[in-house]
Amino acid sequence: MKILSRTSFFLISLLYYAVIQVNHSNLFGQEVSIYSPDGIELVYVDVPEDEKKISSSFYIGKFEITQTQWRAIMGNNPSNFKNENNPVENVNWNDAQNFLARLNERTGKNYRLPTEAEWVFAARADTIAGFCAGGCRFSGSDDIDEVAWFKGNSGGRTQPVGSKLPNELGIYDMSGNVWEWCEDDKDNNRVIRGGSWNSEARFCSVNYKYSYGPENRSFIIGFRVVLPIVE
């Protein structure tokens, strides 16, 4: 019988415990609201009423889903670059949906992938006055080395989540590390955003979009989750 590691046991235990909500400052001294149900840290994204593309405020993953989190729900690790604190990859859009279905069954919540509009809004940190003139090229900076693992600095593989600077909202790796699945479809494919460890800098821009077949797996694609706010 396989014995769970201490890390995996701890994460599984977290899935059954109480929600914690705290306010703290990110690395830029700005207050960030962190909601931590089910062992997944989420960041509150405040959407103004006049925003036409997004219906309401939401919580989004502070980090990309890690291999530890995937294993706790799915019981395996499909990733090419094995490291428990690295983002899970080599999962297609359908795999991500299966993860979310099991997560929701276990927690009684309604986690899902971000819509493209939600992803872009959170990546640009539109709710906070940016500190890049005219808006940051990458999520959190005009200097890609500060905020992203990409082809120029990744060493040819994924890296642990949260090991670069966050954006203004306190969200990590929205540029680089792994492309992230979105809920939206485009010409029978699914939208991916953010670029990856194997991308040139221009593909990690918050403005760059691409799409990929929902059945296709790649070690450059992972995902993060959204938890809608139920009023």
C-alpha atoms as a PDB file:
ATOM      1  CA  MET A   1       0.000   0.000   0.000  1.00  0.00           C
ATOM      2  CA  LYS A   2       1.364   3.425  -0.941  1.00  0.00           C
ATOM      3  CA  ILE A   3       1.949   5.740   2.015  1.00  0.00           C
ATOM      4  CA  LEU A   4       1.137   9.412   1.499  1.00  0.00           C
ATOM      5  CA  SER A   5       3.928  11.885   2.018  1.00  0.00           C
ATOM      6  CA  ARG A   6       3.581  14.319   4.918  1.00  0.00           C
ATOM      7  CA  THR A   7       3.012  17.156   2.424  1.00  0.00           C
ATOM      8  CA  SER A   8       0.219  15.295   0.600  1.00  0.00           C
ATOM      9  CA  PHE A   9      -1.456  14.256   3.863  1.00  0.00           C
ATOM     10  CA  PHE A  10      -1.360  17.851   5.101  1.00  0.00           C
ATOM     11  CA  LEU A  11      -2.940  19.175   1.909  1.00  0.00           C
ATOM     12  CA  ILE A  12      -5.700  16.566   1.923  1.00  0.00           C
ATOM     13  CA  SER A  13      -6.443  17.448   5.530  1.00  0.00           C
ATOM     14  CA  LEU A  14      -6.752  21.107   4.593  1.00  0.00           C
ATOM     15  CA  LEU A  15      -9.539  20.268   2.189  1.00  0.00           C
ATOM     16  CA  TYR A  16     -11.852  19.556   5.113  1.00  0.00           C
ATOM     17  CA  TYR A  17     -11.069  22.461   7.409  1.00  0.00           C
ATOM     18  CA  ALA A  18     -12.450  25.951   7.911  1.00  0.00           C
ATOM     19  CA  VAL A  19     -12.099  28.910   5.605  1.00  0.00           C
ATOM     20  CA  ILE A  20      -9.584  31.589   6.563  1.00  0.00           C
ATOM     21  CA  GLN A  21      -9.848  35.134   5.253  1.00  0.00           C
ATOM     22  CA  VAL A  22      -7.141  37.665   6.036  1.00  0.00           C
ATOM     23  CA  ASN A  23      -5.977  41.017   4.785  1.00  0.00           C
ATOM     24  CA  HIS A  24      -2.257  41.579   4.416  1.00  0.00           C
ATOM     25  CA  SER A  25       0.136  43.620   2.334  1.00  0.00           C
ATOM     26  CA  ASN A  26       1.832  42.253  -0.741  1.00  0.00           C
ATOM     27  CA  LEU A  27       5.460  42.895  -1.601  1.00  0.00           C
ATOM     28  CA  PHE A  28       4.528  46.349  -2.862  1.00  0.00           C
ATOM     29  CA  GLY A  29       2.888  47.372   0.434  1.00  0.00           C
ATOM     30  CA  GLN A  30      -0.636  47.196  -0.972  1.00  0.00           C
ATOM     31  CA  GLU A  31      -3.420  45.491   0.981  1.00  0.00           C
ATOM     32  CA  VAL A  32      -4.489  42.141  -0.467  1.00  0.00           C
ATOM     33  CA  SER A  33      -7.496  40.105   0.635  1.00  0.00           C
ATOM     34  CA  ILE A  34      -6.621  36.403   0.747  1.00  0.00           C
ATOM     35  CA  TYR A  35      -9.345  33.778   1.017  1.00  0.00           C
ATOM     36  CA  SER A  36      -8.054  30.293   1.826  1.00  0.00           C
ATOM     37  CA  PRO A  37     -10.652  27.567   1.608  1.00  0.00           C
ATOM     38  CA  ASP A  38      -9.816  23.946   0.887  1.00  0.00           C
ATOM     39  CA  GLY A  39      -6.041  24.433   0.906  1.00  0.00           C
ATOM     40  CA  ILE A  40      -6.167  26.785  -2.105  1.00  0.00           C
ATOM     41  CA  GLU A  41      -5.120  30.402  -1.605  1.00  0.00           C
ATOM     42  CA  LEU A  42      -7.330  32.833  -3.503  1.00  0.00           C
ATOM     43  CA  VAL A  43      -7.075  36.577  -4.104  1.00  0.00           C
ATOM     44  CA  TYR A  44     -10.131  38.822  -4.140  1.00  0.00           C
ATOM     45  CA  VAL A  45     -10.583  40.739  -7.388  1.00  0.00           C
ATOM     46  CA  ASP A  46     -12.909  43.711  -7.052  1.00  0.00           C
ATOM     47  CA  VAL A  47     -14.730  44.389 -10.327  1.00  0.00           C
ATOM     48  CA  PRO A  48     -16.379  47.820 -10.693  1.00  0.00           C
ATOM     49  CA  GLU A  49     -20.058  47.959 -11.635  1.00  0.00           C
ATOM     50  CA  ASP A  50     -19.353  49.647 -14.971  1.00  0.00           C
ATOM     51  CA  GLU A  51     -17.145  46.762 -16.179  1.00  0.00           C
ATOM     52  CA  LYS A  52     -19.084  45.316 -19.108  1.00  0.00           C
ATOM     53  CA  LYS A  53     -17.136  42.079 -19.693  1.00  0.00           C
ATOM     54  CA  ILE A  54     -17.344  40.691 -16.143  1.00  0.00           C
ATOM     55  CA  SER A  55     -20.606  40.363 -14.227  1.00  0.00           C
ATOM     56  CA  SER A  56     -19.255  40.457 -10.668  1.00  0.00           C
ATOM     57  CA  SER A  57     -16.213  40.411  -8.428  1.00  0.00           C
ATOM     58  CA  PHE A  58     -14.521  37.044  -7.887  1.00  0.00           C
ATOM     59  CA  TYR A  59     -11.703  35.132  -6.223  1.00  0.00           C
ATOM     60  CA  ILE A  60      -8.839  33.797  -8.329  1.00  0.00           C
ATOM     61  CA  GLY A  61      -5.973  31.477  -7.457  1.00  0.00           C
ATOM     62  CA  LYS A  62      -3.005  33.256  -5.947  1.00  0.00           C
ATOM     63  CA  PHE A  63      -0.889  30.560  -7.603  1.00  0.00           C
ATOM     64  CA  GLU A  64      -1.250  28.131 -10.473  1.00  0.00           C
ATOM     65  CA  ILE A  65      -2.528  24.721  -9.317  1.00  0.00           C
ATOM     66  CA  THR A  66       0.479  22.783  -8.087  1.00  0.00           C
ATOM     67  CA  GLN A  67       1.373  19.150  -8.514  1.00  0.00           C
ATOM     68  CA  THR A  68       0.667  18.576  -4.816  1.00  0.00           C
ATOM     69  CA  GLN A  69      -2.836  20.014  -5.163  1.00  0.00           C
ATOM     70  CA  TRP A  70      -3.508  17.989  -8.294  1.00  0.00           C
ATOM     71  CA  ARG A  71      -2.323  14.767  -6.654  1.00  0.00           C
ATOM     72  CA  ALA A  72      -4.515  15.380  -3.587  1.00  0.00           C
ATOM     73  CA  ILE A  73      -7.630  15.441  -5.776  1.00  0.00           C
ATOM     74  CA  MET A  74      -6.751  13.184  -8.709  1.00  0.00           C
ATOM     75  CA  GLY A  75      -4.367  10.686  -7.090  1.00  0.00           C
ATOM     76  CA  ASN A  76      -1.674  11.001  -9.760  1.00  0.00           C
ATOM     77  CA  ASN A  77       0.844  13.453 -11.198  1.00  0.00           C
ATOM     78  CA  PRO A  78       0.885  13.747 -15.011  1.00  0.00           C
ATOM     79  CA  SER A  79       3.540  16.488 -15.050  1.00  0.00           C
ATOM     80  CA  ASN A  80       6.665  16.190 -17.125  1.00  0.00           C
ATOM     81  CA  PHE A  81       8.753  18.260 -14.688  1.00  0.00           C
ATOM     82  CA  LYS A  82       8.185  16.539 -11.363  1.00  0.00           C
ATOM     83  CA  ASN A  83       8.334  18.839  -8.320  1.00  0.00           C
ATOM     84  CA  GLU A  84       5.464  19.050  -5.865  1.00  0.00           C
ATOM     85  CA  ASN A  85       5.496  22.874  -5.650  1.00  0.00           C
ATOM     86  CA  ASN A  86       5.773  23.395  -9.403  1.00  0.00           C
ATOM     87  CA  PRO A  87       2.606  23.967 -11.419  1.00  0.00           C
ATOM     88  CA  VAL A  88       0.887  20.857 -12.682  1.00  0.00           C
ATOM     89  CA  GLU A  89       1.246  20.602 -16.463  1.00  0.00           C
ATOM     90  CA  ASN A  90       0.661  18.102 -19.227  1.00  0.00           C
ATOM     91  CA  VAL A  91      -3.083  18.417 -18.486  1.00  0.00           C
ATOM     92  CA  ASN A  92      -5.587  19.292 -21.165  1.00  0.00           C
ATOM     93  CA  TRP A  93      -8.730  21.398 -20.797  1.00  0.00           C
ATOM     94  CA  ASN A  94     -10.857  18.316 -20.211  1.00  0.00           C
ATOM     95  CA  ASP A  95      -8.469  17.105 -17.490  1.00  0.00           C
ATOM     96  CA  ALA A  96      -8.803  20.470 -15.751  1.00  0.00           C
ATOM     97  CA  GLN A  97     -12.590  20.129 -15.875  1.00  0.00           C
ATOM     98  CA  ASN A  98     -12.364  16.671 -14.282  1.00  0.00           C
ATOM     99  CA  PHE A  99     -10.176  18.100 -11.508  1.00  0.00           C
ATOM    100  CA  LEU A 100     -12.698  20.881 -10.887  1.00  0.00           C
ATOM    101  CA  ALA A 101     -15.628  18.450 -10.818  1.00  0.00           C
ATOM    102  CA  ARG A 102     -13.911  16.309  -8.182  1.00  0.00           C
ATOM    103  CA  LEU A 103     -12.805  19.355  -6.201  1.00  0.00           C
ATOM    104  CA  ASN A 104     -16.366  20.703  -6.176  1.00  0.00           C
ATOM    105  CA  GLU A 105     -17.797  17.332  -5.185  1.00  0.00           C
ATOM    106  CA  ARG A 106     -15.384  17.144  -2.268  1.00  0.00           C
ATOM    107  CA  THR A 107     -15.770  20.733  -1.079  1.00  0.00           C
ATOM    108  CA  GLY A 108     -19.356  21.585  -2.009  1.00  0.00           C
ATOM    109  CA  LYS A 109     -18.191  24.740  -3.802  1.00  0.00           C
ATOM    110  CA  ASN A 110     -18.272  25.934  -7.393  1.00  0.00           C
ATOM    111  CA  TYR A 111     -14.671  26.288  -8.538  1.00  0.00           C
ATOM    112  CA  ARG A 112     -14.125  26.756 -12.263  1.00  0.00           C
ATOM    113  CA  LEU A 113     -11.602  28.040 -14.761  1.00  0.00           C
ATOM    114  CA  PRO A 114     -11.448  31.819 -15.220  1.00  0.00           C
ATOM    115  CA  THR A 115     -13.152  33.325 -18.197  1.00  0.00           C
ATOM    116  CA  GLU A 116     -10.725  35.087 -20.497  1.00  0.00           C
ATOM    117  CA  ALA A 117     -12.101  38.458 -19.365  1.00  0.00           C
ATOM    118  CA  GLU A 118     -11.554  37.540 -15.703  1.00  0.00           C
ATOM    119  CA  TRP A 119      -8.053  36.288 -16.417  1.00  0.00           C
ATOM    120  CA  VAL A 120      -7.067  39.458 -18.274  1.00  0.00           C
ATOM    121  CA  PHE A 121      -8.614  41.730 -15.638  1.00  0.00           C
ATOM    122  CA  ALA A 122      -6.715  39.961 -12.837  1.00  0.00           C
ATOM    123  CA  ALA A 123      -3.456  39.837 -14.817  1.00  0.00           C
ATOM    124  CA  ARG A 124      -3.602  43.555 -15.575  1.00  0.00           C
ATOM    125  CA  ALA A 125      -4.619  44.303 -11.974  1.00  0.00           C
ATOM    126  CA  ASP A 126      -7.097  46.847 -13.328  1.00  0.00           C
ATOM    127  CA  THR A 127      -8.569  47.468  -9.885  1.00  0.00           C
ATOM    128  CA  ILE A 128      -5.376  49.144  -8.638  1.00  0.00           C
ATOM    129  CA  ALA A 129      -3.610  52.157 -10.154  1.00  0.00           C
ATOM    130  CA  GLY A 130      -0.693  50.527 -11.924  1.00  0.00           C
ATOM    131  CA  PHE A 131       2.903  51.421 -11.345  1.00  0.00           C
ATOM    132  CA  CYS A 132       3.851  50.989 -14.991  1.00  0.00           C
ATOM    133  CA  ALA A 133       3.223  54.030 -17.141  1.00  0.00           C
ATOM    134  CA  GLY A 134       0.204  53.180 -19.282  1.00  0.00           C
ATOM    135  CA  GLY A 135      -0.100  49.690 -17.735  1.00  0.00           C
ATOM    136  CA  CYS A 136       2.420  46.896 -17.322  1.00  0.00           C
ATOM    137  CA  ARG A 137       3.482  44.851 -20.329  1.00  0.00           C
ATOM    138  CA  PHE A 138       3.726  41.738 -18.162  1.00  0.00           C
ATOM    139  CA  SER A 139       1.610  40.913 -15.134  1.00  0.00           C
ATOM    140  CA  GLY A 140       3.143  43.146 -12.465  1.00  0.00           C
ATOM    141  CA  SER A 141       6.071  44.720 -14.295  1.00  0.00           C
ATOM    142  CA  ASP A 142       7.567  45.931 -17.545  1.00  0.00           C
ATOM    143  CA  ASP A 143      10.659  43.869 -16.631  1.00  0.00           C
ATOM    144  CA  ILE A 144       9.839  40.240 -17.409  1.00  0.00           C
ATOM    145  CA  ASP A 145      12.678  38.895 -15.244  1.00  0.00           C
ATOM    146  CA  GLU A 146      10.988  40.334 -12.155  1.00  0.00           C
ATOM    147  CA  VAL A 147       7.684  38.530 -12.557  1.00  0.00           C
ATOM    148  CA  ALA A 148       7.992  35.592 -14.964  1.00  0.00           C
ATOM    149  CA  TRP A 149       9.763  32.355 -15.746  1.00  0.00           C
ATOM    150  CA  PHE A 150      10.218  32.362 -19.525  1.00  0.00           C
ATOM    151  CA  LYS A 151      12.607  31.044 -22.145  1.00  0.00           C
ATOM    152  CA  GLY A 152      15.330  33.494 -21.127  1.00  0.00           C
ATOM    153  CA  ASN A 153      15.582  32.493 -17.455  1.00  0.00           C
ATOM    154  CA  SER A 154      13.699  29.249 -16.744  1.00  0.00           C
ATOM    155  CA  GLY A 155      16.517  26.785 -17.309  1.00  0.00           C
ATOM    156  CA  GLY A 156      14.291  24.860 -19.722  1.00  0.00           C
ATOM    157  CA  ARG A 157      11.621  23.777 -17.216  1.00  0.00           C
ATOM    158  CA  THR A 158       8.853  24.917 -14.893  1.00  0.00           C
ATOM    159  CA  GLN A 159       9.790  26.499 -11.566  1.00  0.00           C
ATOM    160  CA  PRO A 160       8.117  26.576  -8.130  1.00  0.00           C
ATOM    161  CA  VAL A 161       5.020  28.758  -8.042  1.00  0.00           C
ATOM    162  CA  GLY A 162       5.359  32.121  -6.329  1.00  0.00           C
ATOM    163  CA  SER A 163       9.117  32.361  -6.751  1.00  0.00           C
ATOM    164  CA  LYS A 164       8.944  35.597  -8.764  1.00  0.00           C
ATOM    165  CA  LEU A 165       7.295  38.888  -7.755  1.00  0.00           C
ATOM    166  CA  PRO A 166       3.460  39.074  -7.809  1.00  0.00           C
ATOM    167  CA  ASN A 167       1.394  41.614  -9.664  1.00  0.00           C
ATOM    168  CA  GLU A 168      -0.328  44.527  -7.916  1.00  0.00           C
ATOM    169  CA  LEU A 169      -3.132  42.298  -6.646  1.00  0.00           C
ATOM    170  CA  GLY A 170      -0.733  39.799  -5.098  1.00  0.00           C
ATOM    171  CA  ILE A 171      -1.214  37.161  -7.835  1.00  0.00           C
ATOM    172  CA  TYR A 172       1.831  35.189  -8.999  1.00  0.00           C
ATOM    173  CA  ASP A 173       2.954  33.743 -12.347  1.00  0.00           C
ATOM    174  CA  MET A 174       0.232  35.212 -14.532  1.00  0.00           C
ATOM    175  CA  SER A 175       3.046  35.817 -16.974  1.00  0.00           C
ATOM    176  CA  GLY A 176       5.218  32.784 -17.647  1.00  0.00           C
ATOM    177  CA  ASN A 177       5.791  29.412 -15.931  1.00  0.00           C
ATOM    178  CA  VAL A 178       2.856  27.675 -17.684  1.00  0.00           C
ATOM    179  CA  TRP A 179       0.178  28.807 -20.087  1.00  0.00           C
ATOM    180  CA  GLU A 180      -3.191  28.793 -18.315  1.00  0.00           C
ATOM    181  CA  TRP A 181      -6.439  27.342 -19.584  1.00  0.00           C
ATOM    182  CA  CYS A 182      -9.442  29.662 -19.658  1.00  0.00           C
ATOM    183  CA  GLU A 183     -13.093  28.677 -19.806  1.00  0.00           C
ATOM    184  CA  ASP A 184     -13.728  30.351 -23.178  1.00  0.00           C
ATOM    185  CA  ASP A 185     -13.669  28.671 -26.566  1.00  0.00           C
ATOM    186  CA  LYS A 186     -12.300  30.138 -29.783  1.00  0.00           C
ATOM    187  CA  ASP A 187     -12.931  28.422 -33.117  1.00  0.00           C
ATOM    188  CA  ASN A 188     -13.500  25.039 -31.390  1.00  0.00           C
ATOM    189  CA  ASN A 189     -10.326  25.456 -29.343  1.00  0.00           C
ATOM    190  CA  ARG A 190      -9.913  26.763 -25.793  1.00  0.00           C
ATOM    191  CA  VAL A 191      -8.221  30.035 -24.900  1.00  0.00           C
ATOM    192  CA  ILE A 192      -4.876  29.908 -23.101  1.00  0.00           C
ATOM    193  CA  ARG A 193      -3.123  32.921 -21.616  1.00  0.00           C
ATOM    194  CA  GLY A 194       0.105  34.050 -20.016  1.00  0.00           C
ATOM    195  CA  GLY A 195       2.938  32.289 -21.822  1.00  0.00           C
ATOM    196  CA  SER A 196       5.223  29.677 -20.302  1.00  0.00           C
ATOM    197  CA  TRP A 197       8.739  28.693 -19.253  1.00  0.00           C
ATOM    198  CA  ASN A 198       9.400  27.932 -22.942  1.00  0.00           C
ATOM    199  CA  SER A 199       7.974  31.182 -24.365  1.00  0.00           C
ATOM    200  CA  GLU A 200       9.748  34.204 -25.726  1.00  0.00           C
ATOM    201  CA  ALA A 201       8.973  37.381 -23.809  1.00  0.00           C
ATOM    202  CA  ARG A 202       6.335  38.682 -26.235  1.00  0.00           C
ATOM    203  CA  PHE A 203       4.144  35.627 -25.649  1.00  0.00           C
ATOM    204  CA  CYS A 204       4.114  36.331 -21.893  1.00  0.00           C
ATOM    205  CA  SER A 205       2.537  39.758 -22.359  1.00  0.00           C
ATOM    206  CA  VAL A 206      -0.847  40.235 -20.697  1.00  0.00           C
ATOM    207  CA  ASN A 207      -2.179  41.278 -24.117  1.00  0.00           C
ATOM    208  CA  TYR A 208      -1.152  38.115 -25.966  1.00  0.00           C
ATOM    209  CA  LYS A 209      -3.762  35.406 -26.503  1.00  0.00           C
ATOM    210  CA  TYR A 210      -3.634  31.957 -28.033  1.00  0.00           C
ATOM    211  CA  SER A 211      -5.881  28.907 -28.262  1.00  0.00           C
ATOM    212  CA  TYR A 212      -5.303  25.166 -28.113  1.00  0.00           C
ATOM    213  CA  GLY A 213      -7.371  22.030 -28.646  1.00  0.00           C
ATOM    214  CA  PRO A 214      -9.210  21.020 -25.447  1.00  0.00           C
ATOM    215  CA  GLU A 215      -8.059  17.409 -25.848  1.00  0.00           C
ATOM    216  CA  ASN A 216      -4.377  18.287 -26.310  1.00  0.00           C
ATOM    217  CA  ARG A 217      -1.855  17.996 -23.489  1.00  0.00           C
ATOM    218  CA  SER A 218       1.450  19.812 -23.248  1.00  0.00           C
ATOM    219  CA  PHE A 219       4.130  20.359 -20.610  1.00  0.00           C
ATOM    220  CA  ILE A 220       3.796  24.099 -21.212  1.00  0.00           C
ATOM    221  CA  ILE A 221       0.117  24.319 -20.129  1.00  0.00           C
ATOM    222  CA  GLY A 222      -1.486  24.268 -16.671  1.00  0.00           C
ATOM    223  CA  PHE A 223      -4.230  26.306 -15.004  1.00  0.00           C
ATOM    224  CA  ARG A 224      -5.443  28.268 -11.996  1.00  0.00           C
ATOM    225  CA  VAL A 225      -8.925  28.339 -10.507  1.00  0.00           C
ATOM    226  CA  VAL A 226     -11.642  30.899  -9.911  1.00  0.00           C
ATOM    227  CA  LEU A 227     -14.222  30.802  -7.136  1.00  0.00           C
ATOM    228  CA  PRO A 228     -17.261  32.962  -7.931  1.00  0.00           C
ATOM    229  CA  ILE A 229     -18.710  35.017  -5.102  1.00  0.00           C
ATOM    230  CA  VAL A 230     -22.138  33.724  -4.148  1.00  0.00           C
ATOM    231  CA  GLU A 231     -24.345  36.545  -2.883  1.00  0.00           C
END
